[in-house]
Amino acid sequence: MAGFWETYAKMSSPPMYDLSEADPEQLKGMGRTMLDSATIVGLGGEIEAGVRAPFSDKTFQEIDSEINQEQAAFKEKYPAEYMASNVLGAAPTLAVGAPAVVTRVIGGKVMPNVLAATGFGGLGGFVGGTGEGETTEQRIQTGKEEIAPMAVGTGIITATMMSAIKAAPPVIRFFGNMANKVMGR
C-alpha cells in the first residue's frame, strides 16, 4: 500500500494524472471524498443520494447508507488516496472564503485568528467526522477522531497565512482591490 507522498509523487509526475491502473471503486471513492470535503461538513453522500433517489427504486436513506458503507471501505483500503482526496476537495472551498471572512470578523492580529481557526477547525473536524458512519456511536467516534487533526491543521495554516499577510501587505492590497472590482464594490 502506497503512502500519501508516494501517491502524490506518482500523481504529480509525468504522465500527469495517469489513473489507467486505478480501479473504478478507487476513482469513485476519490470523487465522493472530494465532494464530501468540498461541502466542508461532509454532505457529499447526501447530495449524491438526493440526486440518485428520484431515479432509483431505493429510498434516499438506503442509497445514503450504501454510499456510507462504500466510503468506509474506500477509506480503509486506500487511506492515502482518501486523505489526498479530502485535501483536494476542501482546498478550493476553504481558499475562496474562509480567510477573508475570519480576518474581517476577528481583525488582523495573528494570535486571535490562529486560536479561532484552531477552534473552528476542531469543530469542523467533529461535524465532518459525524457524517461518516452508520450508527450514532460510529458517527460520534469518527467525529472525535477528526477533531485533533483538523484543529492542528487549521491552526498551522492560519498562522502561516496570517504571517504571509503581515509580510506582504502590497500583495494583499492588490488582491483585495481585485476582489472588490470583481464583486462590484
C-alpha atoms as a PDB file:
ATOM      1  CA  MET A   1       0.000   0.000   0.000  1.00  0.00           C
ATOM      2  CA  ALA A   2       1.478   3.314  -1.086  1.00  0.00           C
ATOM      3  CA  GLY A   3       1.652   6.185   1.369  1.00  0.00           C
ATOM      4  CA  PHE A   4       0.447   9.734   0.851  1.00  0.00           C
ATOM      5  CA  TRP A   5       3.742  11.077  -0.512  1.00  0.00           C
ATOM      6  CA  GLU A   6       4.268   8.121  -2.858  1.00  0.00           C
ATOM      7  CA  THR A   7       0.762   8.576  -4.216  1.00  0.00           C
ATOM      8  CA  TYR A   8       1.304  12.332  -4.531  1.00  0.00           C
ATOM      9  CA  ALA A   9       4.596  11.815  -6.376  1.00  0.00           C
ATOM     10  CA  LYS A  10       3.025   9.283  -8.724  1.00  0.00           C
ATOM     11  CA  MET A  11       0.070  11.553  -9.488  1.00  0.00           C
ATOM     12  CA  SER A  12       2.286  14.623  -9.911  1.00  0.00           C
ATOM     13  CA  SER A  13       4.942  13.215 -12.230  1.00  0.00           C
ATOM     14  CA  PRO A  14       4.665  12.512 -15.954  1.00  0.00           C
ATOM     15  CA  PRO A  15       2.455  11.165 -17.299  1.00  0.00           C
ATOM     16  CA  MET A  16       0.355  13.512 -15.235  1.00  0.00           C
ATOM     17  CA  TYR A  17      -2.708  12.101 -13.556  1.00  0.00           C
ATOM     18  CA  ASP A  18      -2.318   8.651 -15.023  1.00  0.00           C
ATOM     19  CA  LEU A  19      -5.253   6.820 -13.496  1.00  0.00           C
ATOM     20  CA  SER A  20      -5.233   3.972 -16.007  1.00  0.00           C
ATOM     21  CA  GLU A  21      -4.184   1.481 -13.328  1.00  0.00           C
ATOM     22  CA  ALA A  22      -6.719   2.692 -10.758  1.00  0.00           C
ATOM     23  CA  ASP A  23      -9.715   0.505 -10.195  1.00  0.00           C
ATOM     24  CA  PRO A  24     -13.174   2.032 -10.679  1.00  0.00           C
ATOM     25  CA  GLU A  25     -14.015   1.726  -6.982  1.00  0.00           C
ATOM     26  CA  GLN A  26     -10.920   3.779  -6.144  1.00  0.00           C
ATOM     27  CA  LEU A  27     -11.877   6.518  -8.582  1.00  0.00           C
ATOM     28  CA  LYS A  28     -15.469   6.557  -7.336  1.00  0.00           C
ATOM     29  CA  GLY A  29     -14.245   6.765  -3.739  1.00  0.00           C
ATOM     30  CA  MET A  30     -11.895   9.619  -4.588  1.00  0.00           C
ATOM     31  CA  GLY A  31     -14.668  11.574  -6.321  1.00  0.00           C
ATOM     32  CA  ARG A  32     -17.064  11.036  -3.444  1.00  0.00           C
ATOM     33  CA  THR A  33     -14.448  12.055  -0.906  1.00  0.00           C
ATOM     34  CA  MET A  34     -13.681  15.250  -2.828  1.00  0.00           C
ATOM     35  CA  LEU A  35     -17.385  16.134  -2.978  1.00  0.00           C
ATOM     36  CA  ASP A  36     -17.733  15.367   0.728  1.00  0.00           C
ATOM     37  CA  SER A  37     -14.866  17.611   1.700  1.00  0.00           C
ATOM     38  CA  ALA A  38     -15.868  20.360  -0.751  1.00  0.00           C
ATOM     39  CA  THR A  39     -19.089  20.767   1.231  1.00  0.00           C
ATOM     40  CA  ILE A  40     -16.927  21.180   4.367  1.00  0.00           C
ATOM     41  CA  VAL A  41     -19.425  19.326   6.576  1.00  0.00           C
ATOM     42  CA  GLY A  42     -19.405  16.039   4.657  1.00  0.00           C
ATOM     43  CA  LEU A  43     -22.699  16.218   2.797  1.00  0.00           C
ATOM     44  CA  GLY A  44     -21.404  14.703  -0.446  1.00  0.00           C
ATOM     45  CA  GLY A  45     -23.075  11.345   0.197  1.00  0.00           C
ATOM     46  CA  GLU A  46     -26.371  13.046   0.961  1.00  0.00           C
ATOM     47  CA  ILE A  47     -26.089  15.128  -2.212  1.00  0.00           C
ATOM     48  CA  GLU A  48     -25.389  12.026  -4.290  1.00  0.00           C
ATOM     49  CA  ALA A  49     -28.235  10.111  -2.633  1.00  0.00           C
ATOM     50  CA  GLY A  50     -30.591  13.048  -3.249  1.00  0.00           C
ATOM     51  CA  VAL A  51     -29.671  13.119  -6.928  1.00  0.00           C
ATOM     52  CA  ARG A  52     -29.934   9.343  -7.383  1.00  0.00           C
ATOM     53  CA  ALA A  53     -33.079   8.670  -5.312  1.00  0.00           C
ATOM     54  CA  PRO A  54     -35.675  10.031  -7.783  1.00  0.00           C
ATOM     55  CA  PHE A  55     -34.274   7.760 -10.491  1.00  0.00           C
ATOM     56  CA  SER A  56     -33.948   4.645  -8.349  1.00  0.00           C
ATOM     57  CA  ASP A  57     -36.221   2.095  -6.751  1.00  0.00           C
ATOM     58  CA  LYS A  58     -34.276   2.584  -3.494  1.00  0.00           C
ATOM     59  CA  THR A  59     -35.069   5.238  -0.918  1.00  0.00           C
ATOM     60  CA  PHE A  60     -32.798   8.160  -0.110  1.00  0.00           C
ATOM     61  CA  GLN A  61     -31.847   6.520   3.201  1.00  0.00           C
ATOM     62  CA  GLU A  62     -30.955   3.206   1.531  1.00  0.00           C
ATOM     63  CA  ILE A  63     -28.759   4.924  -1.044  1.00  0.00           C
ATOM     64  CA  ASP A  64     -27.101   7.093   1.619  1.00  0.00           C
ATOM     65  CA  SER A  65     -26.407   4.032   3.755  1.00  0.00           C
ATOM     66  CA  GLU A  66     -24.910   2.217   0.753  1.00  0.00           C
ATOM     67  CA  ILE A  67     -22.681   5.223  -0.024  1.00  0.00           C
ATOM     68  CA  ASN A  68     -21.507   5.420   3.606  1.00  0.00           C
ATOM     69  CA  GLN A  69     -20.590   1.727   3.582  1.00  0.00           C
ATOM     70  CA  GLU A  70     -18.696   2.052   0.303  1.00  0.00           C
ATOM     71  CA  GLN A  71     -16.877   5.140   1.578  1.00  0.00           C
ATOM     72  CA  ALA A  72     -15.869   3.349   4.788  1.00  0.00           C
ATOM     73  CA  ALA A  73     -14.426   0.525   2.669  1.00  0.00           C
ATOM     74  CA  PHE A  74     -12.621   3.052   0.443  1.00  0.00           C
ATOM     75  CA  LYS A  75     -11.140   4.829   3.474  1.00  0.00           C
ATOM     76  CA  GLU A  76      -9.923   1.506   4.868  1.00  0.00           C
ATOM     77  CA  LYS A  77      -8.494   0.179   1.588  1.00  0.00           C
ATOM     78  CA  TYR A  78      -6.987   3.428   0.244  1.00  0.00           C
ATOM     79  CA  PRO A  79      -6.019   5.654   3.202  1.00  0.00           C
ATOM     80  CA  ALA A  80      -3.523   7.790   1.244  1.00  0.00           C
ATOM     81  CA  GLU A  81      -5.978   8.402  -1.588  1.00  0.00           C
ATOM     82  CA  TYR A  82      -8.683   9.173   0.959  1.00  0.00           C
ATOM     83  CA  MET A  83      -6.520  11.817   2.638  1.00  0.00           C
ATOM     84  CA  ALA A  84      -5.373  13.335  -0.665  1.00  0.00           C
ATOM     85  CA  SER A  85      -8.960  13.490  -1.923  1.00  0.00           C
ATOM     86  CA  ASN A  86     -10.061  15.173   1.298  1.00  0.00           C
ATOM     87  CA  VAL A  87      -7.424  17.873   0.888  1.00  0.00           C
ATOM     88  CA  LEU A  88      -8.122  18.348  -2.812  1.00  0.00           C
ATOM     89  CA  GLY A  89     -11.862  18.649  -2.256  1.00  0.00           C
ATOM     90  CA  ALA A  90     -11.722  21.088   0.650  1.00  0.00           C
ATOM     91  CA  ALA A  91      -8.921  23.312  -0.620  1.00  0.00           C
ATOM     92  CA  PRO A  92     -10.920  25.334  -3.176  1.00  0.00           C
ATOM     93  CA  THR A  93     -13.819  25.921  -0.812  1.00  0.00           C
ATOM     94  CA  LEU A  94     -11.588  26.997   2.047  1.00  0.00           C
ATOM     95  CA  ALA A  95      -9.224  29.036  -0.088  1.00  0.00           C
ATOM     96  CA  VAL A  96     -12.010  31.167  -1.500  1.00  0.00           C
ATOM     97  CA  GLY A  97     -13.952  32.296   1.510  1.00  0.00           C
ATOM     98  CA  ALA A  98     -12.647  31.325   4.884  1.00  0.00           C
ATOM     99  CA  PRO A  99      -9.554  33.524   5.302  1.00  0.00           C
ATOM    100  CA  ALA A 100     -11.269  36.740   4.291  1.00  0.00           C
ATOM    101  CA  VAL A 101     -14.311  36.114   6.467  1.00  0.00           C
ATOM    102  CA  VAL A 102     -12.338  35.156   9.556  1.00  0.00           C
ATOM    103  CA  THR A 103      -9.926  38.068   9.220  1.00  0.00           C
ATOM    104  CA  ARG A 104     -12.747  40.585   8.793  1.00  0.00           C
ATOM    105  CA  VAL A 105     -14.643  39.272  11.793  1.00  0.00           C
ATOM    106  CA  ILE A 106     -11.709  38.853  14.184  1.00  0.00           C
ATOM    107  CA  GLY A 107      -9.341  41.524  12.944  1.00  0.00           C
ATOM    108  CA  GLY A 108      -5.793  41.450  11.707  1.00  0.00           C
ATOM    109  CA  LYS A 109      -3.954  40.144  14.785  1.00  0.00           C
ATOM    110  CA  VAL A 110      -2.254  36.799  14.330  1.00  0.00           C
ATOM    111  CA  MET A 111      -2.927  35.069  17.661  1.00  0.00           C
ATOM    112  CA  PRO A 112      -6.713  35.614  17.855  1.00  0.00           C
ATOM    113  CA  ASN A 113      -7.031  34.346  14.279  1.00  0.00           C
ATOM    114  CA  VAL A 114      -4.918  31.259  14.998  1.00  0.00           C
ATOM    115  CA  LEU A 115      -6.923  30.465  18.133  1.00  0.00           C
ATOM    116  CA  ALA A 116     -10.238  30.966  16.345  1.00  0.00           C
ATOM    117  CA  ALA A 117      -9.123  28.858  13.380  1.00  0.00           C
ATOM    118  CA  THR A 118      -7.958  26.090  15.699  1.00  0.00           C
ATOM    119  CA  GLY A 119     -11.342  26.096  17.428  1.00  0.00           C
ATOM    120  CA  PHE A 120     -13.289  26.233  14.180  1.00  0.00           C
ATOM    121  CA  GLY A 121     -11.045  23.528  12.717  1.00  0.00           C
ATOM    122  CA  GLY A 122     -11.772  21.239  15.640  1.00  0.00           C
ATOM    123  CA  LEU A 123     -15.488  21.956  15.368  1.00  0.00           C
ATOM    124  CA  GLY A 124     -15.374  21.396  11.607  1.00  0.00           C
ATOM    125  CA  GLY A 125     -13.483  18.140  12.136  1.00  0.00           C
ATOM    126  CA  PHE A 126     -16.105  16.914  14.567  1.00  0.00           C
ATOM    127  CA  VAL A 127     -19.031  17.932  12.353  1.00  0.00           C
ATOM    128  CA  GLY A 128     -17.373  16.480   9.249  1.00  0.00           C
ATOM    129  CA  GLY A 129     -16.489  13.290  11.097  1.00  0.00           C
ATOM    130  CA  THR A 130     -20.068  12.765  12.197  1.00  0.00           C
ATOM    131  CA  GLY A 131     -21.003  12.472   8.516  1.00  0.00           C
ATOM    132  CA  GLU A 132     -19.125   9.170   8.331  1.00  0.00           C
ATOM    133  CA  GLY A 133     -20.557   6.027   9.823  1.00  0.00           C
ATOM    134  CA  GLU A 134     -23.857   4.265  10.137  1.00  0.00           C
ATOM    135  CA  THR A 135     -24.735   4.318  13.810  1.00  0.00           C
ATOM    136  CA  THR A 136     -24.757   7.279  16.157  1.00  0.00           C
ATOM    137  CA  GLU A 137     -21.844   5.771  18.098  1.00  0.00           C
ATOM    138  CA  GLN A 138     -19.779   5.380  14.909  1.00  0.00           C
ATOM    139  CA  ARG A 139     -20.534   8.928  13.829  1.00  0.00           C
ATOM    140  CA  ILE A 140     -19.609  10.398  17.211  1.00  0.00           C
ATOM    141  CA  GLN A 141     -16.430   8.304  17.412  1.00  0.00           C
ATOM    142  CA  THR A 142     -15.338   9.394  13.935  1.00  0.00           C
ATOM    143  CA  GLY A 143     -16.181  12.974  14.840  1.00  0.00           C
ATOM    144  CA  LYS A 144     -13.937  12.755  17.907  1.00  0.00           C
ATOM    145  CA  GLU A 145     -11.114  11.273  15.818  1.00  0.00           C
ATOM    146  CA  GLU A 146     -11.271  14.179  13.361  1.00  0.00           C
ATOM    147  CA  ILE A 147     -11.074  16.966  15.967  1.00  0.00           C
ATOM    148  CA  ALA A 148      -7.306  16.973  16.618  1.00  0.00           C
ATOM    149  CA  PRO A 149      -6.001  16.741  13.034  1.00  0.00           C
ATOM    150  CA  MET A 150      -8.390  19.418  11.799  1.00  0.00           C
ATOM    151  CA  ALA A 151      -7.733  21.741  14.755  1.00  0.00           C
ATOM    152  CA  VAL A 152      -3.951  21.484  14.453  1.00  0.00           C
ATOM    153  CA  GLY A 153      -4.021  21.710  10.664  1.00  0.00           C
ATOM    154  CA  THR A 154      -6.188  24.815  10.533  1.00  0.00           C
ATOM    155  CA  GLY A 155      -4.132  26.445  13.290  1.00  0.00           C
ATOM    156  CA  ILE A 156      -0.900  25.886  11.358  1.00  0.00           C
ATOM    157  CA  ILE A 157      -2.405  27.010   8.062  1.00  0.00           C
ATOM    158  CA  THR A 158      -3.878  30.133   9.668  1.00  0.00           C
ATOM    159  CA  ALA A 159      -0.581  31.015  11.358  1.00  0.00           C
ATOM    160  CA  THR A 160       1.180  30.647   8.011  1.00  0.00           C
ATOM    161  CA  MET A 161      -1.441  32.696   6.179  1.00  0.00           C
ATOM    162  CA  MET A 162      -1.507  35.447   8.795  1.00  0.00           C
ATOM    163  CA  SER A 163       2.282  35.635   8.738  1.00  0.00           C
ATOM    164  CA  ALA A 164       2.154  35.967   4.968  1.00  0.00           C
ATOM    165  CA  ILE A 165      -0.486  38.674   5.301  1.00  0.00           C
ATOM    166  CA  LYS A 166       1.731  40.596   7.695  1.00  0.00           C
ATOM    167  CA  ALA A 167       4.782  40.114   5.469  1.00  0.00           C
ATOM    168  CA  ALA A 168       3.217  41.071   2.155  1.00  0.00           C
ATOM    169  CA  PRO A 169       0.754  43.991   2.502  1.00  0.00           C
ATOM    170  CA  PRO A 170       1.129  45.201  -1.112  1.00  0.00           C
ATOM    171  CA  VAL A 171       0.156  41.796  -2.466  1.00  0.00           C
ATOM    172  CA  ILE A 172      -2.819  41.575  -0.141  1.00  0.00           C
ATOM    173  CA  ARG A 173      -3.980  45.083  -1.127  1.00  0.00           C
ATOM    174  CA  PHE A 174      -3.700  44.112  -4.778  1.00  0.00           C
ATOM    175  CA  PHE A 175      -5.861  41.004  -4.329  1.00  0.00           C
ATOM    176  CA  GLY A 176      -8.292  42.935  -2.126  1.00  0.00           C
ATOM    177  CA  ASN A 177      -8.677  45.621  -4.765  1.00  0.00           C
ATOM    178  CA  MET A 178      -9.107  42.980  -7.458  1.00  0.00           C
ATOM    179  CA  ALA A 179     -11.761  41.190  -5.373  1.00  0.00           C
ATOM    180  CA  ASN A 180     -13.602  44.466  -4.795  1.00  0.00           C
ATOM    181  CA  LYS A 181     -13.592  45.177  -8.530  1.00  0.00           C
ATOM    182  CA  VAL A 182     -14.873  41.691  -9.308  1.00  0.00           C
ATOM    183  CA  MET A 183     -17.602  41.975  -6.677  1.00  0.00           C
ATOM    184  CA  GLY A 184     -18.509  45.471  -7.863  1.00  0.00           C
ATOM    185  CA  ARG A 185     -17.759  47.335  -4.615  1.00  0.00           C
END
